[in-house]
Amino acid sequence: MAGKIDELMIQTAETAQEVQAMFFTQAKLQLGQLSLYGQYIPASECAGDGWHYAQVGDELLVVVGNATGHGVSAALVTAAAHAILLHKTQEFKERSQPKIDLKEPF
């Protein structure tokens, strides 16, 4: 029984790590003299770290976040925040004159 639990814990950690890796922008951004890229190296199998960038009209939105803690629970908080960020970024892009206003509630 203990062996099965250990195996399940390993599978859960691997799955969480794969899912979390999808939240990080993989492409390098080049805007004139500005180059933006990053690398993610978790301290444990997964954590609550995240970063994303998006070009919205003439503006560049860069978000770096860290949910407190490590493990699956912190990764789930990051996943929820990432989903909200993608939704709001799409809203900004769909405006007739895209303008990022961080005073608006997310």
PDB file of N, CA and C in Angstrom:
ATOM      1  N   MET A   1       0.826  -1.199   0.000  1.00  0.00           N
ATOM      2  CA  MET A   1       0.000   0.000   0.000  1.00  0.00           C
ATOM      3  C   MET A   1       0.866   1.258   0.000  1.00  0.00           C
ATOM      4  N   ALA A   2       1.918   1.256   0.829  1.00  0.00           N
ATOM      5  CA  ALA A   2       2.798   2.427   0.902  1.00  0.00           C
ATOM      6  C   ALA A   2       3.473   2.689  -0.437  1.00  0.00           C
ATOM      7  N   GLY A   3       3.827   1.619  -1.155  1.00  0.00           N
ATOM      8  CA  GLY A   3       4.446   1.769  -2.476  1.00  0.00           C
ATOM      9  C   GLY A   3       3.509   2.433  -3.470  1.00  0.00           C
ATOM     10  N   LYS A   4       2.233   2.056  -3.420  1.00  0.00           N
ATOM     11  CA  LYS A   4       1.227   2.654  -4.312  1.00  0.00           C
ATOM     12  C   LYS A   4       1.043   4.140  -3.998  1.00  0.00           C
ATOM     13  N   ILE A   5       1.039   4.493  -2.722  1.00  0.00           N
ATOM     14  CA  ILE A   5       0.895   5.887  -2.318  1.00  0.00           C
ATOM     15  C   ILE A   5       2.092   6.696  -2.809  1.00  0.00           C
ATOM     16  N   ASP A   6       3.299   6.149  -2.627  1.00  0.00           N
ATOM     17  CA  ASP A   6       4.502   6.834  -3.112  1.00  0.00           C
ATOM     18  C   ASP A   6       4.438   7.038  -4.622  1.00  0.00           C
ATOM     19  N   GLU A   7       3.997   6.011  -5.348  1.00  0.00           N
ATOM     20  CA  GLU A   7       3.887   6.109  -6.806  1.00  0.00           C
ATOM     21  C   GLU A   7       2.872   7.176  -7.208  1.00  0.00           C
ATOM     22  N   LEU A   8       1.740   7.222  -6.519  1.00  0.00           N
ATOM     23  CA  LEU A   8       0.723   8.231  -6.794  1.00  0.00           C
ATOM     24  C   LEU A   8       1.247   9.630  -6.506  1.00  0.00           C
ATOM     25  N   MET A   9       1.994   9.794  -5.431  1.00  0.00           N
ATOM     26  CA  MET A   9       2.575  11.103  -5.083  1.00  0.00           C
ATOM     27  C   MET A   9       3.552  11.565  -6.177  1.00  0.00           C
ATOM     28  N   ILE A  10       4.353  10.654  -6.690  1.00  0.00           N
ATOM     29  CA  ILE A  10       5.303  10.988  -7.758  1.00  0.00           C
ATOM     30  C   ILE A  10       4.557  11.378  -9.024  1.00  0.00           C
ATOM     31  N   GLN A  11       3.524  10.630  -9.385  1.00  0.00           N
ATOM     32  CA  GLN A  11       2.730  10.943 -10.575  1.00  0.00           C
ATOM     33  C   GLN A  11       2.045  12.294 -10.430  1.00  0.00           C
ATOM     34  N   THR A  12       1.521  12.584  -9.256  1.00  0.00           N
ATOM     35  CA  THR A  12       0.861  13.875  -9.012  1.00  0.00           C
ATOM     36  C   THR A  12       1.855  15.016  -9.165  1.00  0.00           C
ATOM     37  N   ALA A  13       3.039  14.867  -8.604  1.00  0.00           N
ATOM     38  CA  ALA A  13       4.066  15.903  -8.698  1.00  0.00           C
ATOM     39  C   ALA A  13       4.488  16.122 -10.153  1.00  0.00           C
ATOM     40  N   GLU A  14       4.664  15.029 -10.897  1.00  0.00           N
ATOM     41  CA  GLU A  14       5.059  15.148 -12.303  1.00  0.00           C
ATOM     42  C   GLU A  14       3.981  15.840 -13.115  1.00  0.00           C
ATOM     43  N   THR A  15       2.723  15.482 -12.888  1.00  0.00           N
ATOM     44  CA  THR A  15       1.610  16.105 -13.599  1.00  0.00           C
ATOM     45  C   THR A  15       1.519  17.588 -13.259  1.00  0.00           C
ATOM     46  N   ALA A  16       1.639  17.924 -11.987  1.00  0.00           N
ATOM     47  CA  ALA A  16       1.584  19.332 -11.577  1.00  0.00           C
ATOM     48  C   ALA A  16       2.712  20.120 -12.219  1.00  0.00           C
ATOM     49  N   GLN A  17       3.890  19.542 -12.300  1.00  0.00           N
ATOM     50  CA  GLN A  17       5.038  20.221 -12.908  1.00  0.00           C
ATOM     51  C   GLN A  17       4.791  20.464 -14.397  1.00  0.00           C
ATOM     52  N   GLU A  18       4.246  19.473 -15.102  1.00  0.00           N
ATOM     53  CA  GLU A  18       3.949  19.626 -16.523  1.00  0.00           C
ATOM     54  C   GLU A  18       2.901  20.704 -16.752  1.00  0.00           C
ATOM     55  N   VAL A  19       1.854  20.701 -15.932  1.00  0.00           N
ATOM     56  CA  VAL A  19       0.799  21.700 -16.070  1.00  0.00           C
ATOM     57  C   VAL A  19       1.353  23.091 -15.796  1.00  0.00           C
ATOM     58  N   GLN A  20       2.145  23.227 -14.741  1.00  0.00           N
ATOM     59  CA  GLN A  20       2.683  24.539 -14.399  1.00  0.00           C
ATOM     60  C   GLN A  20       3.611  25.062 -15.483  1.00  0.00           C
ATOM     61  N   ALA A  21       4.363  24.191 -16.125  1.00  0.00           N
ATOM     62  CA  ALA A  21       5.280  24.626 -17.181  1.00  0.00           C
ATOM     63  C   ALA A  21       4.536  25.306 -18.323  1.00  0.00           C
ATOM     64  N   MET A  22       3.262  24.975 -18.515  1.00  0.00           N
ATOM     65  CA  MET A  22       2.468  25.599 -19.575  1.00  0.00           C
ATOM     66  C   MET A  22       2.137  27.059 -19.278  1.00  0.00           C
ATOM     67  N   PHE A  23       2.311  27.488 -18.021  1.00  0.00           N
ATOM     68  CA  PHE A  23       1.957  28.855 -17.651  1.00  0.00           C
ATOM     69  C   PHE A  23       3.058  29.866 -17.938  1.00  0.00           C
ATOM     70  N   PHE A  24       4.198  29.405 -18.393  1.00  0.00           N
ATOM     71  CA  PHE A  24       5.306  30.313 -18.630  1.00  0.00           C
ATOM     72  C   PHE A  24       5.476  30.562 -20.115  1.00  0.00           C
ATOM     73  N   THR A  25       5.617  31.819 -20.467  1.00  0.00           N
ATOM     74  CA  THR A  25       5.812  32.197 -21.845  1.00  0.00           C
ATOM     75  C   THR A  25       7.136  31.616 -22.328  1.00  0.00           C
ATOM     76  N   GLN A  26       7.099  30.884 -23.421  1.00  0.00           N
ATOM     77  CA  GLN A  26       8.301  30.233 -23.922  1.00  0.00           C
ATOM     78  C   GLN A  26       9.049  31.075 -24.949  1.00  0.00           C
ATOM     79  N   ALA A  27       8.337  31.907 -25.666  1.00  0.00           N
ATOM     80  CA  ALA A  27       8.949  32.667 -26.750  1.00  0.00           C
ATOM     81  C   ALA A  27       9.708  33.875 -26.220  1.00  0.00           C
ATOM     82  N   LYS A  28      10.794  34.181 -26.885  1.00  0.00           N
ATOM     83  CA  LYS A  28      11.571  35.377 -26.568  1.00  0.00           C
ATOM     84  C   LYS A  28      10.905  36.559 -27.271  1.00  0.00           C
ATOM     85  N   LEU A  29      10.801  37.675 -26.593  1.00  0.00           N
ATOM     86  CA  LEU A  29      10.208  38.878 -27.166  1.00  0.00           C
ATOM     87  C   LEU A  29      11.330  39.835 -27.532  1.00  0.00           C
ATOM     88  N   GLN A  30      11.275  40.363 -28.731  1.00  0.00           N
ATOM     89  CA  GLN A  30      12.251  41.357 -29.180  1.00  0.00           C
ATOM     90  C   GLN A  30      11.485  42.580 -29.652  1.00  0.00           C
ATOM     91  N   LEU A  31      11.624  43.694 -28.945  1.00  0.00           N
ATOM     92  CA  LEU A  31      11.001  44.962 -29.315  1.00  0.00           C
ATOM     93  C   LEU A  31      12.105  46.008 -29.417  1.00  0.00           C
ATOM     94  N   GLY A  32      12.553  46.289 -30.611  1.00  0.00           N
ATOM     95  CA  GLY A  32      13.653  47.228 -30.778  1.00  0.00           C
ATOM     96  C   GLY A  32      14.874  46.729 -30.031  1.00  0.00           C
ATOM     97  N   GLN A  33      15.359  47.528 -29.087  1.00  0.00           N
ATOM     98  CA  GLN A  33      16.537  47.143 -28.308  1.00  0.00           C
ATOM     99  C   GLN A  33      16.187  46.330 -27.068  1.00  0.00           C
ATOM    100  N   LEU A  34      14.906  46.146 -26.809  1.00  0.00           N
ATOM    101  CA  LEU A  34      14.466  45.394 -25.636  1.00  0.00           C
ATOM    102  C   LEU A  34      14.315  43.917 -25.971  1.00  0.00           C
ATOM    103  N   SER A  35      14.997  43.073 -25.218  1.00  0.00           N
ATOM    104  CA  SER A  35      14.843  41.626 -25.327  1.00  0.00           C
ATOM    105  C   SER A  35      14.272  41.130 -24.009  1.00  0.00           C
ATOM    106  N   LEU A  36      13.253  40.289 -24.081  1.00  0.00           N
ATOM    107  CA  LEU A  36      12.634  39.764 -22.879  1.00  0.00           C
ATOM    108  C   LEU A  36      12.488  38.256 -23.006  1.00  0.00           C
ATOM    109  N   TYR A  37      13.056  37.548 -22.062  1.00  0.00           N
ATOM    110  CA  TYR A  37      12.903  36.101 -21.985  1.00  0.00           C
ATOM    111  C   TYR A  37      13.227  35.685 -20.566  1.00  0.00           C
ATOM    112  N   GLY A  38      12.808  34.522 -20.209  1.00  0.00           N
ATOM    113  CA  GLY A  38      13.031  34.073 -18.846  1.00  0.00           C
ATOM    114  C   GLY A  38      13.196  32.574 -18.783  1.00  0.00           C
ATOM    115  N   GLN A  39      13.554  32.122 -17.618  1.00  0.00           N
ATOM    116  CA  GLN A  39      13.738  30.699 -17.374  1.00  0.00           C
ATOM    117  C   GLN A  39      13.125  30.385 -16.024  1.00  0.00           C
ATOM    118  N   TYR A  40      12.471  29.263 -15.932  1.00  0.00           N
ATOM    119  CA  TYR A  40      11.822  28.852 -14.694  1.00  0.00           C
ATOM    120  C   TYR A  40      12.472  27.591 -14.161  1.00  0.00           C
ATOM    121  N   ILE A  41      13.010  27.675 -12.959  1.00  0.00           N
ATOM    122  CA  ILE A  41      13.619  26.519 -12.308  1.00  0.00           C
ATOM    123  C   ILE A  41      13.008  26.420 -10.911  1.00  0.00           C
ATOM    124  N   PRO A  42      12.029  25.532 -10.706  1.00  0.00           N
ATOM    125  CA  PRO A  42      11.365  25.450  -9.404  1.00  0.00           C
ATOM    126  C   PRO A  42      12.263  24.850  -8.335  1.00  0.00           C
ATOM    127  N   ALA A  43      12.062  25.298  -7.100  1.00  0.00           N
ATOM    128  CA  ALA A  43      12.819  24.759  -5.971  1.00  0.00           C
ATOM    129  C   ALA A  43      12.317  23.373  -5.585  1.00  0.00           C
ATOM    130  N   SER A  44      11.068  23.071  -5.913  1.00  0.00           N
ATOM    131  CA  SER A  44      10.492  21.751  -5.659  1.00  0.00           C
ATOM    132  C   SER A  44       9.764  21.315  -6.921  1.00  0.00           C
ATOM    133  N   GLU A  45       8.970  20.267  -6.838  1.00  0.00           N
ATOM    134  CA  GLU A  45       8.311  19.745  -8.036  1.00  0.00           C
ATOM    135  C   GLU A  45       7.430  20.774  -8.731  1.00  0.00           C
ATOM    136  N   CYS A  46       6.810  21.651  -7.980  1.00  0.00           N
ATOM    137  CA  CYS A  46       6.036  22.751  -8.538  1.00  0.00           C
ATOM    138  C   CYS A  46       5.871  23.789  -7.434  1.00  0.00           C
ATOM    139  N   ALA A  47       5.523  24.988  -7.837  1.00  0.00           N
ATOM    140  CA  ALA A  47       5.437  26.070  -6.862  1.00  0.00           C
ATOM    141  C   ALA A  47       4.449  27.115  -7.336  1.00  0.00           C
ATOM    142  N   GLY A  48       4.410  28.234  -6.642  1.00  0.00           N
ATOM    143  CA  GLY A  48       3.458  29.283  -6.958  1.00  0.00           C
ATOM    144  C   GLY A  48       4.050  30.448  -7.717  1.00  0.00           C
ATOM    145  N   ASP A  49       5.094  30.200  -8.482  1.00  0.00           N
ATOM    146  CA  ASP A  49       5.724  31.262  -9.253  1.00  0.00           C
ATOM    147  C   ASP A  49       5.107  31.331 -10.642  1.00  0.00           C
ATOM    148  N   GLY A  50       5.159  32.509 -11.232  1.00  0.00           N
ATOM    149  CA  GLY A  50       4.655  32.641 -12.583  1.00  0.00           C
ATOM    150  C   GLY A  50       5.085  33.948 -13.204  1.00  0.00           C
ATOM    151  N   TRP A  51       5.179  33.965 -14.507  1.00  0.00           N
ATOM    152  CA  TRP A  51       5.446  35.208 -15.220  1.00  0.00           C
ATOM    153  C   TRP A  51       4.812  35.108 -16.591  1.00  0.00           C
ATOM    154  N   HIS A  52       4.507  36.269 -17.142  1.00  0.00           N
ATOM    155  CA  HIS A  52       3.851  36.326 -18.446  1.00  0.00           C
ATOM    156  C   HIS A  52       4.080  37.705 -19.032  1.00  0.00           C
ATOM    157  N   TYR A  53       4.111  37.782 -20.341  1.00  0.00           N
ATOM    158  CA  TYR A  53       4.117  39.088 -20.990  1.00  0.00           C
ATOM    159  C   TYR A  53       3.157  39.047 -22.161  1.00  0.00           C
ATOM    160  N   ALA A  54       2.658  40.217 -22.509  1.00  0.00           N
ATOM    161  CA  ALA A  54       1.766  40.332 -23.655  1.00  0.00           C
ATOM    162  C   ALA A  54       1.901  41.728 -24.231  1.00  0.00           C
ATOM    163  N   GLN A  55       1.902  41.812 -25.538  1.00  0.00           N
ATOM    164  CA  GLN A  55       1.887  43.108 -26.194  1.00  0.00           C
ATOM    165  C   GLN A  55       0.436  43.462 -26.463  1.00  0.00           C
ATOM    166  N   VAL A  56       0.026  44.631 -25.979  1.00  0.00           N
ATOM    167  CA  VAL A  56      -1.346  45.107 -26.136  1.00  0.00           C
ATOM    168  C   VAL A  56      -1.254  46.468 -26.805  1.00  0.00           C
ATOM    169  N   GLY A  57      -1.582  46.513 -28.094  1.00  0.00           N
ATOM    170  CA  GLY A  57      -1.421  47.771 -28.826  1.00  0.00           C
ATOM    171  C   GLY A  57       0.045  48.188 -28.802  1.00  0.00           C
ATOM    172  N   ASP A  58       0.290  49.409 -28.357  1.00  0.00           N
ATOM    173  CA  ASP A  58       1.660  49.924 -28.264  1.00  0.00           C
ATOM    174  C   ASP A  58       2.284  49.678 -26.902  1.00  0.00           C
ATOM    175  N   GLU A  59       1.580  48.995 -26.030  1.00  0.00           N
ATOM    176  CA  GLU A  59       2.067  48.798 -24.672  1.00  0.00           C
ATOM    177  C   GLU A  59       2.496  47.351 -24.446  1.00  0.00           C
ATOM    178  N   LEU A  60       3.406  47.186 -23.502  1.00  0.00           N
ATOM    179  CA  LEU A  60       3.878  45.862 -23.123  1.00  0.00           C
ATOM    180  C   LEU A  60       3.480  45.615 -21.677  1.00  0.00           C
ATOM    181  N   LEU A  61       2.756  44.541 -21.453  1.00  0.00           N
ATOM    182  CA  LEU A  61       2.338  44.148 -20.111  1.00  0.00           C
ATOM    183  C   LEU A  61       3.241  43.009 -19.658  1.00  0.00           C
ATOM    184  N   VAL A  62       3.944  43.209 -18.544  1.00  0.00           N
ATOM    185  CA  VAL A  62       4.814  42.182 -17.970  1.00  0.00           C
ATOM    186  C   VAL A  62       4.343  41.945 -16.548  1.00  0.00           C
ATOM    187  N   VAL A  63       4.046  40.685 -16.231  1.00  0.00           N
ATOM    188  CA  VAL A  63       3.549  40.330 -14.906  1.00  0.00           C
ATOM    189  C   VAL A  63       4.441  39.235 -14.329  1.00  0.00           C
ATOM    190  N   VAL A  64       4.898  39.460 -13.100  1.00  0.00           N
ATOM    191  CA  VAL A  64       5.675  38.474 -12.365  1.00  0.00           C
ATOM    192  C   VAL A  64       4.960  38.263 -11.042  1.00  0.00           C
ATOM    193  N   GLY A  65       4.704  37.005 -10.692  1.00  0.00           N
ATOM    194  CA  GLY A  65       3.962  36.737  -9.465  1.00  0.00           C
ATOM    195  C   GLY A  65       4.535  35.575  -8.686  1.00  0.00           C
ATOM    196  N   ASN A  66       4.193  35.559  -7.402  1.00  0.00           N
ATOM    197  CA  ASN A  66       4.630  34.471  -6.537  1.00  0.00           C
ATOM    198  C   ASN A  66       3.571  34.245  -5.482  1.00  0.00           C
ATOM    199  N   ALA A  67       2.923  33.079  -5.546  1.00  0.00           N
ATOM    200  CA  ALA A  67       1.979  32.700  -4.498  1.00  0.00           C
ATOM    201  C   ALA A  67       2.783  32.099  -3.349  1.00  0.00           C
ATOM    202  N   THR A  68       2.388  32.383  -2.144  1.00  0.00           N
ATOM    203  CA  THR A  68       3.106  31.886  -0.982  1.00  0.00           C
ATOM    204  C   THR A  68       3.070  30.365  -0.941  1.00  0.00           C
ATOM    205  N   GLY A  69       4.201  29.773  -0.669  1.00  0.00           N
ATOM    206  CA  GLY A  69       4.272  28.334  -0.493  1.00  0.00           C
ATOM    207  C   GLY A  69       4.829  27.613  -1.690  1.00  0.00           C
ATOM    208  N   HIS A  70       4.873  26.303  -1.571  1.00  0.00           N
ATOM    209  CA  HIS A  70       5.359  25.425  -2.627  1.00  0.00           C
ATOM    210  C   HIS A  70       4.372  24.280  -2.769  1.00  0.00           C
ATOM    211  N   GLY A  71       4.495  23.581  -3.848  1.00  0.00           N
ATOM    212  CA  GLY A  71       3.673  22.404  -4.041  1.00  0.00           C
ATOM    213  C   GLY A  71       2.426  22.679  -4.846  1.00  0.00           C
ATOM    214  N   VAL A  72       1.570  21.695  -4.868  1.00  0.00           N
ATOM    215  CA  VAL A  72       0.386  21.725  -5.724  1.00  0.00           C
ATOM    216  C   VAL A  72      -0.558  22.871  -5.352  1.00  0.00           C
ATOM    217  N   SER A  73      -0.768  23.144  -4.067  1.00  0.00           N
ATOM    218  CA  SER A  73      -1.711  24.209  -3.682  1.00  0.00           C
ATOM    219  C   SER A  73      -1.247  25.569  -4.193  1.00  0.00           C
ATOM    220  N   ALA A  74       0.038  25.879  -4.081  1.00  0.00           N
ATOM    221  CA  ALA A  74       0.558  27.150  -4.591  1.00  0.00           C
ATOM    222  C   ALA A  74       0.461  27.193  -6.118  1.00  0.00           C
ATOM    223  N   ALA A  75       0.716  26.064  -6.761  1.00  0.00           N
ATOM    224  CA  ALA A  75       0.610  26.008  -8.219  1.00  0.00           C
ATOM    225  C   ALA A  75      -0.824  26.246  -8.681  1.00  0.00           C
ATOM    226  N   LEU A  76      -1.809  25.769  -7.928  1.00  0.00           N
ATOM    227  CA  LEU A  76      -3.212  25.987  -8.285  1.00  0.00           C
ATOM    228  C   LEU A  76      -3.593  27.461  -8.171  1.00  0.00           C
ATOM    229  N   VAL A  77      -3.074  28.144  -7.155  1.00  0.00           N
ATOM    230  CA  VAL A  77      -3.318  29.588  -7.031  1.00  0.00           C
ATOM    231  C   VAL A  77      -2.730  30.304  -8.244  1.00  0.00           C
ATOM    232  N   THR A  78      -1.517  29.928  -8.623  1.00  0.00           N
ATOM    233  CA  THR A  78      -0.871  30.530  -9.787  1.00  0.00           C
ATOM    234  C   THR A  78      -1.670  30.245 -11.054  1.00  0.00           C
ATOM    235  N   ALA A  79      -2.192  29.040 -11.191  1.00  0.00           N
ATOM    236  CA  ALA A  79      -2.995  28.681 -12.364  1.00  0.00           C
ATOM    237  C   ALA A  79      -4.236  29.570 -12.467  1.00  0.00           C
ATOM    238  N   ALA A  80      -4.900  29.803 -11.354  1.00  0.00           N
ATOM    239  CA  ALA A  80      -6.091  30.663 -11.353  1.00  0.00           C
ATOM    240  C   ALA A  80      -5.718  32.099 -11.725  1.00  0.00           C
ATOM    241  N   ALA A  81      -4.636  32.603 -11.157  1.00  0.00           N
ATOM    242  CA  ALA A  81      -4.196  33.970 -11.472  1.00  0.00           C
ATOM    243  C   ALA A  81      -3.814  34.083 -12.946  1.00  0.00           C
ATOM    244  N   HIS A  82      -3.170  33.062 -13.470  1.00  0.00           N
ATOM    245  CA  HIS A  82      -2.767  33.068 -14.877  1.00  0.00           C
ATOM    246  C   HIS A  82      -3.994  33.098 -15.793  1.00  0.00           C
ATOM    247  N   ALA A  83      -5.010  32.325 -15.455  1.00  0.00           N
ATOM    248  CA  ALA A  83      -6.238  32.306 -16.255  1.00  0.00           C
ATOM    249  C   ALA A  83      -6.900  33.687 -16.278  1.00  0.00           C
ATOM    250  N   ILE A  84      -6.942  34.345 -15.137  1.00  0.00           N
ATOM    251  CA  ILE A  84      -7.522  35.693 -15.063  1.00  0.00           C
ATOM    252  C   ILE A  84      -6.695  36.663 -15.899  1.00  0.00           C
ATOM    253  N   LEU A  85      -5.374  36.562 -15.791  1.00  0.00           N
ATOM    254  CA  LEU A  85      -4.493  37.434 -16.560  1.00  0.00           C
ATOM    255  C   LEU A  85      -4.719  37.266 -18.060  1.00  0.00           C
ATOM    256  N   LEU A  86      -4.812  36.035 -18.539  1.00  0.00           N
ATOM    257  CA  LEU A  86      -5.052  35.802 -19.967  1.00  0.00           C
ATOM    258  C   LEU A  86      -6.395  36.375 -20.404  1.00  0.00           C
ATOM    259  N   HIS A  87      -7.403  36.216 -19.574  1.00  0.00           N
ATOM    260  CA  HIS A  87      -8.730  36.748 -19.885  1.00  0.00           C
ATOM    261  C   HIS A  87      -8.698  38.270 -19.985  1.00  0.00           C
ATOM    262  N   LYS A  88      -8.080  38.926 -19.002  1.00  0.00           N
ATOM    263  CA  LYS A  88      -8.011  40.389 -19.015  1.00  0.00           C
ATOM    264  C   LYS A  88      -7.153  40.899 -20.168  1.00  0.00           C
ATOM    265  N   THR A  89      -6.073  40.193 -20.483  1.00  0.00           N
ATOM    266  CA  THR A  89      -5.232  40.600 -21.615  1.00  0.00           C
ATOM    267  C   THR A  89      -6.039  40.556 -22.900  1.00  0.00           C
ATOM    268  N   GLN A  90      -6.835  39.515 -23.079  1.00  0.00           N
ATOM    269  CA  GLN A  90      -7.669  39.412 -24.273  1.00  0.00           C
ATOM    270  C   GLN A  90      -8.685  40.553 -24.319  1.00  0.00           C
ATOM    271  N   GLU A  91      -9.261  40.914 -23.176  1.00  0.00           N
ATOM    272  CA  GLU A  91     -10.186  42.055 -23.128  1.00  0.00           C
ATOM    273  C   GLU A  91      -9.486  43.338 -23.561  1.00  0.00           C
ATOM    274  N   PHE A  92      -8.275  43.573 -23.072  1.00  0.00           N
ATOM    275  CA  PHE A  92      -7.516  44.764 -23.463  1.00  0.00           C
ATOM    276  C   PHE A  92      -7.294  44.778 -24.971  1.00  0.00           C
ATOM    277  N   LYS A  93      -6.943  43.626 -25.543  1.00  0.00           N
ATOM    278  CA  LYS A  93      -6.635  43.549 -26.968  1.00  0.00           C
ATOM    279  C   LYS A  93      -7.869  43.773 -27.833  1.00  0.00           C
ATOM    280  N   GLU A  94      -9.043  43.404 -27.337  1.00  0.00           N
ATOM    281  CA  GLU A  94     -10.268  43.505 -28.133  1.00  0.00           C
ATOM    282  C   GLU A  94     -10.855  44.918 -28.159  1.00  0.00           C
ATOM    283  N   ARG A  95     -10.343  45.806 -27.361  1.00  0.00           N
ATOM    284  CA  ARG A  95     -10.838  47.191 -27.369  1.00  0.00           C
ATOM    285  C   ARG A  95     -10.476  47.855 -28.683  1.00  0.00           C
ATOM    286  N   SER A  96     -11.308  48.835 -29.100  1.00  0.00           N
ATOM    287  CA  SER A  96     -11.030  49.529 -30.352  1.00  0.00           C
ATOM    288  C   SER A  96      -9.711  50.299 -30.261  1.00  0.00           C
ATOM    289  N   GLN A  97      -9.401  50.839 -29.090  1.00  0.00           N
ATOM    290  CA  GLN A  97      -8.111  51.468 -28.854  1.00  0.00           C
ATOM    291  C   GLN A  97      -7.529  50.815 -27.606  1.00  0.00           C
ATOM    292  N   PRO A  98      -6.717  49.755 -27.808  1.00  0.00           N
ATOM    293  CA  PRO A  98      -6.206  49.026 -26.647  1.00  0.00           C
ATOM    294  C   PRO A  98      -5.404  49.928 -25.720  1.00  0.00           C
ATOM    295  N   LYS A  99      -5.759  49.909 -24.482  1.00  0.00           N
ATOM    296  CA  LYS A  99      -5.057  50.692 -23.468  1.00  0.00           C
ATOM    297  C   LYS A  99      -5.127  49.891 -22.176  1.00  0.00           C
ATOM    298  N   ILE A 100      -3.968  49.637 -21.602  1.00  0.00           N
ATOM    299  CA  ILE A 100      -3.924  48.916 -20.334  1.00  0.00           C
ATOM    300  C   ILE A 100      -4.150  49.899 -19.206  1.00  0.00           C
ATOM    301  N   ASP A 101      -5.193  49.677 -18.436  1.00  0.00           N
ATOM    302  CA  ASP A 101      -5.477  50.525 -17.280  1.00  0.00           C
ATOM    303  C   ASP A 101      -5.491  49.642 -16.051  1.00  0.00           C
ATOM    304  N   LEU A 102      -4.402  49.690 -15.302  1.00  0.00           N
ATOM    305  CA  LEU A 102      -4.297  48.818 -14.141  1.00  0.00           C
ATOM    306  C   LEU A 102      -5.130  49.306 -12.958  1.00  0.00           C
ATOM    307  N   LYS A 103      -5.790  50.448 -13.116  1.00  0.00           N
ATOM    308  CA  LYS A 103      -6.694  50.927 -12.068  1.00  0.00           C
ATOM    309  C   LYS A 103      -8.022  50.181 -12.131  1.00  0.00           C
ATOM    310  N   GLU A 104      -8.318  49.572 -13.294  1.00  0.00           N
ATOM    311  CA  GLU A 104      -9.543  48.801 -13.424  1.00  0.00           C
ATOM    312  C   GLU A 104      -9.407  47.541 -12.605  1.00  0.00           C
ATOM    313  N   PRO A 105     -10.459  47.130 -11.930  1.00  0.00           N
ATOM    314  CA  PRO A 105     -10.361  45.885 -11.147  1.00  0.00           C
ATOM    315  C   PRO A 105     -10.235  44.691 -12.071  1.00  0.00           C
ATOM    316  N   PHE A 106      -9.404  43.744 -11.664  1.00  0.00           N
ATOM    317  CA  PHE A 106      -9.280  42.506 -12.412  1.00  0.00           C
ATOM    318  C   PHE A 106     -10.406  41.618 -11.983  1.00  0.00           C
TER     319      PHE A 106
END
